[in-house]
Protein backbone atom coordinates (compact mmCIF):
# COMPACT_ATOMS: atom_id res chain seq x y z
CA MET A 1 6.91 -8.25 -35.22
CA ALA A 2 5.06 -7.06 -38.32
CA LEU A 3 2.28 -4.64 -37.44
CA GLN A 4 1.32 -3.42 -40.88
CA GLY A 5 -2.30 -3.93 -41.79
CA ILE A 6 -3.46 -4.48 -38.21
CA LYS A 7 -6.50 -2.31 -37.58
CA THR A 8 -9.09 -3.92 -35.32
CA ALA A 9 -9.17 -4.09 -31.55
CA GLY A 10 -9.21 -7.88 -31.68
CA GLU A 11 -6.10 -8.00 -33.85
CA TRP A 12 -4.21 -5.56 -31.65
CA LEU A 13 -5.17 -7.51 -28.56
CA SER A 14 -3.81 -10.67 -30.11
CA ARG A 15 -0.50 -9.03 -31.06
CA GLY A 16 -0.20 -7.36 -27.69
CA GLU A 17 -0.75 -10.66 -25.90
CA GLU A 18 1.85 -12.33 -28.10
CA GLN A 19 4.44 -9.63 -27.36
CA LEU A 20 3.83 -9.85 -23.62
CA ARG A 21 3.98 -13.64 -23.64
CA ARG A 22 7.33 -13.55 -25.40
CA SER A 23 8.57 -11.25 -22.62
CA ARG A 24 7.28 -13.68 -19.97
CA VAL A 25 4.84 -11.19 -18.52
CA PRO A 26 2.41 -13.01 -16.20
CA GLU A 27 -1.19 -13.17 -17.50
CA PRO A 28 -0.37 -11.67 -20.91
CA ALA A 29 -3.96 -11.76 -22.19
CA ALA A 30 -5.36 -9.92 -19.19
CA ASN A 31 -2.54 -7.38 -19.36
CA ALA A 32 -3.18 -6.69 -23.05
CA GLU A 33 -6.89 -6.23 -22.35
CA LEU A 34 -6.22 -3.83 -19.48
CA LEU A 35 -3.84 -1.77 -21.58
CA LEU A 36 -6.24 -1.49 -24.50
CA ALA A 37 -9.15 -0.74 -22.19
CA HIS A 38 -7.09 2.10 -20.73
CA VAL A 39 -6.25 3.49 -24.18
CA LEU A 40 -9.86 3.35 -25.37
CA GLY A 41 -11.45 4.45 -22.10
CA MET A 42 -13.59 1.33 -22.04
CA SER A 43 -14.06 -1.68 -19.79
CA ARG A 44 -12.41 -5.02 -20.54
CA PRO A 45 -15.77 -6.67 -21.34
CA ALA A 46 -16.59 -3.83 -23.74
CA ILE A 47 -13.42 -4.15 -25.79
CA LYS A 48 -13.86 -7.92 -25.98
CA ALA A 49 -17.47 -7.46 -27.09
CA PHE A 50 -16.43 -5.32 -30.06
CA PRO A 51 -13.31 -6.96 -31.51
CA SER A 52 -13.98 -5.49 -34.96
CA ARG A 53 -13.69 -1.90 -33.78
CA ILE A 54 -11.14 -0.02 -35.89
CA LEU A 55 -8.46 1.74 -33.87
CA THR A 56 -7.28 5.18 -34.89
CA GLU A 57 -3.61 5.70 -35.62
CA LYS A 58 -3.22 7.55 -32.32
CA GLU A 59 -4.86 4.70 -30.39
CA ARG A 60 -2.67 2.11 -32.12
CA HIS A 61 0.54 3.99 -31.32
CA HIS A 62 -0.52 4.59 -27.72
CA PHE A 63 -1.45 0.95 -27.16
CA TRP A 64 1.74 -0.41 -28.66
CA HIS A 65 3.85 2.02 -26.64
CA LEU A 66 2.22 0.71 -23.45
CA VAL A 67 2.68 -2.90 -24.54
CA LEU A 68 6.40 -2.37 -25.12
CA GLU A 69 6.75 -0.66 -21.74
CA ARG A 70 4.97 -3.53 -19.99
CA ALA A 71 7.14 -5.99 -21.92
CA LYS A 72 10.13 -4.52 -20.06
CA ARG A 73 8.46 -5.94 -16.93
CA THR A 74 7.56 -2.46 -15.76
CA PRO A 75 4.74 -2.92 -13.22
CA LEU A 76 1.34 -2.61 -14.86
CA ALA A 77 0.31 0.08 -12.39
CA TYR A 78 3.33 2.20 -13.37
CA VAL A 79 2.48 1.77 -17.05
CA LEU A 80 -1.13 2.82 -16.48
CA GLY A 81 -0.23 5.44 -13.87
CA PHE A 82 -2.73 4.24 -11.29
CA GLN A 83 -3.82 1.27 -9.20
CA PRO A 84 -7.32 0.51 -7.89
CA PHE A 85 -7.40 0.37 -4.10
CA MET A 86 -10.47 0.10 -1.85
CA GLY A 87 -12.63 1.31 -4.72
CA LEU A 88 -10.39 4.32 -5.39
CA ASP A 89 -8.01 4.94 -8.29
CA ILE A 90 -4.67 5.73 -6.63
CA GLU A 91 -2.06 7.43 -8.78
CA VAL A 92 1.33 5.73 -8.60
CA SER A 93 4.84 6.24 -9.89
CA PRO A 94 8.22 4.52 -9.43
CA SER A 95 8.72 6.63 -6.30
CA VAL A 96 6.14 4.57 -4.36
CA LEU A 97 5.07 0.99 -3.85
CA VAL A 98 2.16 -0.28 -5.90
CA PRO A 99 -0.85 -0.69 -3.55
CA ARG A 100 -1.78 -4.35 -3.16
CA PRO A 101 -4.87 -6.32 -2.12
CA GLU A 102 -3.04 -7.41 1.04
CA THR A 103 -2.91 -3.79 2.17
CA GLU A 104 -6.65 -3.50 1.65
CA GLN A 105 -6.92 -6.11 4.42
CA LEU A 106 -4.94 -3.76 6.67
CA VAL A 107 -7.38 -0.93 5.98
CA GLU A 108 -10.36 -3.23 6.56
CA ALA A 109 -8.89 -4.31 9.90
CA VAL A 110 -8.58 -0.70 11.04
CA LEU A 111 -12.11 0.08 9.90
CA ASP A 112 -13.48 -2.93 11.76
CA ALA A 113 -11.66 -1.92 14.93
CA VAL A 114 -12.77 1.70 15.07
CA GLU A 115 -16.27 1.32 13.65
CA LYS A 116 -17.25 -1.04 16.47
CA GLU A 117 -16.90 1.87 18.87
CA GLY A 118 -19.23 4.15 16.94
CA LYS A 119 -18.51 7.46 15.31
CA ARG A 120 -16.18 9.61 17.36
CA PRO A 121 -13.29 11.96 16.60
CA LEU A 122 -10.15 10.02 15.72
CA ASN A 123 -6.49 10.86 15.31
CA ILE A 124 -4.83 8.34 12.98
CA LEU A 125 -1.10 8.21 12.29
CA GLU A 126 0.27 6.42 9.24
CA ILE A 127 3.99 5.71 9.06
CA GLY A 128 5.44 5.39 5.56
CA THR A 129 2.47 6.63 3.57
CA GLY A 130 3.97 6.16 0.10
CA SER A 131 1.19 6.79 -2.43
CA GLY A 132 -1.13 7.75 0.43
CA CYS A 133 -3.47 4.87 -0.38
CA ILE A 134 -4.02 3.87 3.25
CA SER A 135 -4.64 7.36 4.58
CA VAL A 136 -6.79 8.38 1.62
CA ALA A 137 -8.90 5.23 1.92
CA LEU A 138 -9.34 5.70 5.68
CA ALA A 139 -10.19 9.39 5.29
CA SER A 140 -12.76 8.49 2.63
CA ARG A 141 -14.46 6.00 4.96
CA LEU A 142 -14.04 7.82 8.28
CA PRO A 143 -15.30 11.40 7.97
CA GLN A 144 -14.73 11.94 11.70
CA ALA A 145 -11.01 11.18 11.46
CA VAL A 146 -7.98 13.44 11.10
CA LEU A 147 -4.95 11.68 9.65
CA TYR A 148 -1.24 12.37 9.93
CA ALA A 149 0.66 10.68 7.10
CA THR A 150 4.44 10.59 7.35
CA ASP A 151 7.17 9.56 4.93
CA ILE A 152 10.85 10.32 4.48
CA SER A 153 10.43 10.66 0.69
CA GLN A 154 9.42 14.08 -0.59
CA ALA A 155 8.44 12.57 -3.95
CA ALA A 156 6.12 10.12 -2.21
CA LEU A 157 4.53 12.88 -0.16
CA ARG A 158 3.86 14.98 -3.26
CA LEU A 159 2.11 12.05 -4.89
CA ALA A 160 0.16 11.25 -1.72
CA GLU A 161 -1.04 14.84 -1.50
CA LYS A 162 -2.16 14.62 -5.13
CA ASN A 163 -4.18 11.50 -4.37
CA ALA A 164 -5.77 13.19 -1.37
CA ARG A 165 -6.82 16.14 -3.53
CA LYS A 166 -8.15 13.81 -6.22
CA HIS A 167 -10.42 12.11 -3.72
CA ARG A 168 -11.31 15.33 -1.88
CA VAL A 169 -9.94 14.41 1.54
CA GLU A 170 -6.93 16.72 1.58
CA GLY A 171 -8.49 18.85 4.31
CA ARG A 172 -8.30 15.99 6.81
CA ILE A 173 -4.85 14.59 6.05
CA ARG A 174 -1.65 16.31 7.13
CA PHE A 175 1.35 15.07 5.19
CA LEU A 176 4.65 15.28 7.05
CA ARG A 177 8.19 14.57 5.91
CA GLU A 178 9.33 12.97 9.12
CA ASP A 179 11.12 9.96 10.53
CA ILE A 180 8.90 9.42 13.54
CA PHE A 181 11.37 7.09 15.21
CA LYS A 182 14.58 9.05 14.94
CA PRO A 183 16.16 9.46 18.39
CA ASP A 184 15.43 13.16 18.71
CA ALA A 185 11.86 13.04 17.38
CA ARG A 186 9.55 15.18 19.47
CA VAL A 187 6.22 13.42 19.57
CA GLY A 188 4.95 14.48 22.99
CA SER A 189 2.51 12.35 24.97
CA PRO A 190 0.74 9.37 23.35
CA TRP A 191 -2.01 10.82 21.18
CA ALA A 192 -2.92 8.48 18.30
CA ASP A 193 -6.12 6.47 18.36
CA VAL A 194 -4.61 4.33 15.60
CA LEU A 195 -1.06 3.86 14.38
CA VAL A 196 -1.23 2.10 11.02
CA THR A 197 1.65 1.10 8.78
CA ASN A 198 2.68 -1.12 5.90
CA PRO A 199 6.41 -1.19 6.70
CA PRO A 200 9.18 -2.83 4.66
CA TYR A 201 9.15 -6.47 5.76
CA VAL A 202 10.88 -8.50 3.02
CA PRO A 203 14.15 -10.06 4.25
CA THR A 204 17.07 -8.66 2.27
CA GLU A 205 18.11 -12.09 1.03
CA LYS A 206 14.65 -12.70 -0.47
CA LEU A 207 14.57 -9.44 -2.40
CA ARG A 208 16.75 -10.77 -5.20
CA ARG A 209 14.26 -13.60 -5.80
CA LEU A 210 11.23 -11.38 -6.30
CA GLU A 211 9.54 -10.87 -9.65
CA PRO A 212 11.20 -8.32 -12.00
CA GLU A 213 8.21 -6.01 -11.57
CA VAL A 214 8.63 -5.85 -7.80
CA LEU A 215 12.34 -5.11 -8.14
CA GLN A 216 11.45 -1.87 -9.94
CA GLU A 217 9.63 -0.61 -6.86
CA PRO A 218 11.46 1.48 -4.22
CA PHE A 219 14.05 -0.67 -2.47
CA LEU A 220 13.76 1.14 0.85
CA ALA A 221 10.02 0.45 0.96
CA LEU A 222 10.64 -3.29 0.55
CA ASP A 223 13.83 -4.11 2.44
CA GLY A 224 13.08 -5.22 5.99
CA GLY A 225 16.69 -6.07 6.83
CA LYS A 226 18.24 -9.46 7.49
CA ASP A 227 15.13 -11.05 9.00
CA GLY A 228 12.53 -8.66 7.58
CA LEU A 229 11.73 -7.21 11.00
CA HIS A 230 14.08 -4.21 11.21
CA ALA A 231 11.40 -1.56 10.64
CA ILE A 232 8.75 -3.53 12.50
CA ARG A 233 10.92 -3.67 15.63
CA ALA A 234 11.42 0.10 15.53
CA ILE A 235 7.70 0.72 15.08
CA ILE A 236 6.70 -1.60 17.91
CA SER A 237 9.32 -0.28 20.33
CA GLY A 238 8.30 3.30 19.59
CA ALA A 239 4.55 2.73 19.57
CA PRO A 240 4.09 3.50 23.31
CA ARG A 241 5.19 7.09 22.66
CA LEU A 242 2.44 7.45 20.09
CA VAL A 243 -0.54 5.20 20.78
CA LYS A 244 -2.84 6.44 23.51
CA ALA A 245 -4.60 4.30 26.11
CA GLY A 246 -7.12 2.07 24.36
CA GLY A 247 -5.63 2.89 20.95
CA TRP A 248 -4.65 0.48 18.20
CA LEU A 249 -1.40 -0.53 16.51
CA ALA A 250 -2.08 -1.98 13.04
CA LEU A 251 0.76 -3.63 11.12
CA GLU A 252 0.95 -5.35 7.75
CA ILE A 253 3.43 -8.23 7.98
CA GLY A 254 5.02 -11.00 5.97
CA GLU A 255 3.12 -14.28 5.86
CA ASP A 256 5.61 -16.05 8.17
CA GLN A 257 6.16 -13.25 10.68
CA ALA A 258 3.04 -13.29 12.85
CA ARG A 259 4.51 -15.29 15.74
CA GLU A 260 7.59 -13.09 16.03
CA VAL A 261 5.64 -9.85 15.67
CA VAL A 262 3.11 -10.83 18.32
CA GLY A 263 6.04 -11.79 20.57
CA LEU A 264 7.60 -8.36 20.10
CA ILE A 265 4.33 -6.68 21.03
CA ARG A 266 3.90 -8.83 24.13
CA SER A 267 7.45 -8.00 25.21
CA LEU A 268 6.29 -4.41 25.74
CA SER A 269 4.45 -5.57 28.85
CA ALA A 270 7.77 -5.98 30.66
CA GLN A 271 8.29 -2.25 30.14
CA GLY A 272 4.87 -1.31 31.50
CA CYS A 273 3.60 -0.61 27.98
CA SER A 274 1.05 -3.38 27.72
CA PHE A 275 -0.79 -4.09 24.48
CA PRO A 276 -2.81 -6.99 25.94
CA GLU A 277 -5.19 -7.50 23.01
CA THR A 278 -3.57 -8.91 19.90
CA GLN A 279 -5.11 -10.53 16.87
CA VAL A 280 -3.76 -11.84 13.58
CA ARG A 281 -5.83 -11.46 10.43
CA LYS A 282 -5.36 -13.39 7.22
CA ASP A 283 -5.39 -12.12 3.65
CA LEU A 284 -7.51 -13.47 0.79
CA GLN A 285 -5.02 -16.32 0.31
CA SER A 286 -5.48 -17.35 3.97
CA LYS A 287 -1.96 -16.18 4.85
CA ASP A 288 -1.18 -14.22 8.02
CA ARG A 289 -1.04 -10.59 6.90
CA VAL A 290 -2.17 -8.13 9.58
CA VAL A 291 -1.43 -7.86 13.28
CA MET A 292 -3.73 -5.69 15.37
CA ALA A 293 -2.76 -4.81 18.93
CA ARG A 294 -4.74 -2.70 21.36
CA ARG A 295 -3.09 -0.74 24.12
CA ALA A 296 -4.32 -1.14 27.67
CA ARG A 297 -6.89 1.42 28.70
CA ALA A 298 -4.72 2.47 31.64
CA VAL A 299 -1.04 3.02 30.84
CA ARG A 300 1.97 4.66 32.43
CA ASP A 301 3.62 7.76 31.07
CA ALA A 302 5.30 6.95 27.75
CA PRO A 303 8.82 8.10 28.74
CA LYS A 304 8.80 5.65 31.69
CA CYS A 305 7.86 2.60 29.66
CA ILE A 306 10.31 2.77 26.76
CA GLU A 307 14.06 2.76 26.68
């Protein structure tokens, strides 16, 4: 593609869009605008309002480099280095999932649950923190909360800690490299007011049919096993060791998993680990996306109600 003589923002936007369209990138015009806005440090409306602006040589090279990277179907958030989430810019890299609007619904569900009870000290556990977006967002909105964010990936934890520092909540989030549900995990008595997680829930067979961008994200953070419920089962079965009486279990799920997930939670009652209150919340596309379950206010000792 000939690029000689192209100088203005409008011309570069047009060429960028063309390149992205040829590479079958979804929404090529919007992607080109976002990339140029990032390079120029301007909003999308601003760059469209001044199409005759002359780009410097450095700006032209930077923009075209980003266009070519996006044309490889690299996720836009990885190209830019960040993703907006709950009003926060969350730094991302290929070591973590890109935060999505669906996960914002998970955070909103937790906020709704705990804010109804008024401000009080809270202990919140997040399993599989990734970029830290959930814990950072909750810490930003709940100044009375202390969060414990776990992950098995050291690279993810480093990035999550960086995001916590960026948004000045690092003093209230403890990042732990831990598999909470390994057989010899020592978690003590139930202590969490909220256990929140966006676990891998995509059935293995469906992974190969996802968009090229998604396939560049960490496989372990996507793969939910044969039926998509492998991690969810482990989390639900282990929740009684962690969630205190009256506490909440908050799960992001696949759009067709609500019935099975609610069934798994209700099965805990047979073990004396009742989570009698369950609710399913939908995402912005009216698809089942979040399951909230509240533990009974009077429960037996955790070791007696789990296998």
